[in-house]
Amino acid sequence: MTKEFIFPVRVYYEDTDAAGVVYYANYLKFMERTRTEWLRQLGFEQTDLRQKHQIIFVVKHVNIDYRRPAKFNDMLQITTQVLKLGKASITVLQKVKRTDNDLCTAIIKLGCVHIDNFRPHPLPFVILEALQI
């Protein structure tokens, strides 16, 4: 599978609650943004996947563990690493880190679906090829 992809994110005031702590749902936004950048660095724009291959990725399942809070103005590193490739799915491990501390860890299963009917669609060969070590 692919090596770990790291994307930096700064915590802005809008990401936090009244206590200055990152609101729990925003960790998922950070992870979504990182998956988009991960695909981009692999050479895949999501708009191109939709136009050329008639596919999109949807989140099928999330298992998330919140360990420590991120706070306003923290510099975070969001990581993405492929755990498993299915015929029409990709399972990734994503972590939100501050320096060497894991703040949040999630295992996310992404489904590849056809844009016309939102039914499972096999991953295009070019994606499978890019994700192999």
Protein backbone atom coordinates (compact mmCIF):
# COMPACT_ATOMS: atom_id res chain seq x y z
CA MET A 1 0.00 0.00 0.00
CA THR A 2 1.02 3.64 -0.08
CA LYS A 3 3.18 5.37 2.48
CA GLU A 4 1.77 7.83 5.00
CA PHE A 5 0.65 11.18 3.56
CA ILE A 6 0.95 14.21 5.88
CA PHE A 7 -1.00 17.45 5.48
CA PRO A 8 -0.56 20.47 7.80
CA VAL A 9 -3.62 22.22 9.24
CA ARG A 10 -3.78 25.22 11.55
CA VAL A 11 -6.68 25.44 14.00
CA TYR A 12 -8.64 28.64 13.46
CA TYR A 13 -11.07 30.29 15.82
CA GLU A 14 -13.98 29.06 13.65
CA ASP A 15 -12.87 25.45 14.33
CA THR A 16 -13.30 25.77 18.09
CA ASP A 17 -16.07 25.90 20.65
CA ALA A 18 -16.49 28.48 23.41
CA ALA A 19 -13.66 26.87 25.41
CA GLY A 20 -11.20 27.26 22.51
CA VAL A 21 -11.14 23.50 21.88
CA VAL A 22 -11.67 22.01 18.41
CA TYR A 23 -15.30 20.98 18.01
CA TYR A 24 -15.43 17.18 17.62
CA ALA A 25 -16.97 17.17 14.12
CA ASN A 26 -14.24 19.42 12.76
CA TYR A 27 -11.69 16.62 13.07
CA LEU A 28 -13.68 14.88 10.31
CA LYS A 29 -13.44 18.05 8.20
CA PHE A 30 -9.67 18.09 8.66
CA MET A 31 -9.54 14.44 7.58
CA GLU A 32 -11.75 15.07 4.54
CA ARG A 33 -9.53 17.95 3.45
CA THR A 34 -6.46 15.75 3.87
CA ARG A 35 -7.95 12.92 1.79
CA THR A 36 -8.62 15.42 -1.02
CA GLU A 37 -5.00 16.60 -0.91
CA TRP A 38 -3.78 13.00 -0.69
CA LEU A 39 -5.67 12.09 -3.87
CA ARG A 40 -4.41 15.29 -5.51
CA GLN A 41 -0.75 14.43 -4.79
CA LEU A 42 -1.39 10.97 -6.24
CA GLY A 43 -2.51 12.73 -9.43
CA PHE A 44 -6.29 12.50 -9.01
CA GLU A 45 -8.57 15.51 -8.85
CA GLN A 46 -11.98 14.50 -7.57
CA THR A 47 -13.65 16.55 -10.31
CA ASP A 48 -11.67 14.57 -12.92
CA LEU A 49 -12.63 11.25 -11.30
CA ARG A 50 -16.26 12.31 -11.60
CA GLN A 51 -15.94 13.45 -15.22
CA LYS A 52 -13.56 10.83 -16.62
CA HIS A 53 -14.52 7.76 -14.60
CA GLN A 54 -18.06 8.69 -13.44
CA ILE A 55 -17.15 7.89 -9.83
CA ILE A 56 -17.06 9.62 -6.49
CA PHE A 57 -15.91 8.49 -3.07
CA VAL A 58 -18.39 8.37 -0.20
CA VAL A 59 -17.74 7.72 3.47
CA LYS A 60 -19.26 4.35 4.29
CA HIS A 61 -18.02 3.88 7.85
CA VAL A 62 -16.04 5.84 10.46
CA ASN A 63 -14.54 4.51 13.68
CA ILE A 64 -13.03 7.47 15.54
CA ASP A 65 -11.16 7.75 18.82
CA TYR A 66 -10.69 11.17 20.42
CA ARG A 67 -7.68 11.15 22.74
CA ARG A 68 -6.59 14.73 23.43
CA PRO A 69 -8.01 18.11 22.47
CA ALA A 70 -6.61 20.40 19.79
CA LYS A 71 -6.87 24.09 20.60
CA PHE A 72 -7.07 27.43 18.86
CA ASN A 73 -3.93 28.25 16.85
CA ASP A 74 -2.40 24.74 17.13
CA MET A 75 -0.44 23.52 14.12
CA LEU A 76 -1.60 19.99 13.38
CA GLN A 77 -0.45 17.25 11.05
CA ILE A 78 -3.23 15.14 9.54
CA THR A 79 -2.02 11.80 8.21
CA THR A 80 -3.57 9.34 5.80
CA GLN A 81 -2.43 5.79 5.17
CA VAL A 82 -4.14 3.04 3.21
CA LEU A 83 -4.95 -0.02 5.30
CA LYS A 84 -6.92 -2.04 2.77
CA LEU A 85 -8.06 -1.94 -0.83
CA GLY A 86 -11.31 -3.62 -1.73
CA LYS A 87 -12.88 -4.08 -5.14
CA ALA A 88 -14.93 -0.89 -4.68
CA SER A 89 -13.53 0.52 -1.44
CA ILE A 90 -10.49 1.97 0.28
CA THR A 91 -9.98 1.74 4.03
CA VAL A 92 -7.65 4.36 5.47
CA LEU A 93 -6.13 5.14 8.83
CA GLN A 94 -6.16 8.86 9.57
CA LYS A 95 -4.56 10.59 12.52
CA VAL A 96 -4.64 14.13 13.82
CA LYS A 97 -1.31 14.90 15.49
CA ARG A 98 0.26 17.79 17.35
CA THR A 99 4.02 17.27 17.36
CA ASP A 100 4.39 13.65 18.50
CA ASN A 101 1.00 13.34 20.20
CA ASP A 102 -1.92 11.57 18.52
CA LEU A 103 -4.97 13.68 19.28
CA CYS A 104 -7.49 11.74 17.24
CA THR A 105 -7.37 8.49 15.26
CA ALA A 106 -9.94 7.22 12.76
CA ILE A 107 -10.38 4.23 10.51
CA ILE A 108 -12.49 5.32 7.57
CA LYS A 109 -13.95 3.11 4.85
CA LEU A 110 -14.55 4.93 1.59
CA GLY A 111 -16.87 3.49 -1.00
CA CYS A 112 -16.34 4.08 -4.70
CA VAL A 113 -19.76 4.69 -6.28
CA HIS A 114 -21.03 5.50 -9.78
CA ILE A 115 -22.40 9.04 -10.05
CA ASP A 116 -25.59 7.98 -11.85
CA ASN A 117 -26.95 5.51 -9.31
CA PHE A 118 -24.66 5.77 -6.24
CA ARG A 119 -24.13 2.02 -6.37
CA PRO A 120 -20.71 0.46 -5.71
CA HIS A 121 -18.35 0.71 -8.67
CA PRO A 122 -14.96 -1.00 -9.02
CA LEU A 123 -11.98 1.22 -8.30
CA PRO A 124 -10.42 2.35 -11.60
CA PHE A 125 -7.20 0.56 -12.46
CA VAL A 126 -5.24 3.84 -12.46
CA ILE A 127 -6.14 4.36 -8.79
CA LEU A 128 -5.29 0.78 -7.85
CA GLU A 129 -1.99 1.14 -9.65
CA ALA A 130 -1.17 4.43 -7.87
CA LEU A 131 -1.94 2.92 -4.46
CA GLN A 132 0.31 -0.13 -4.81
CA ILE A 133 3.77 -0.02 -3.23
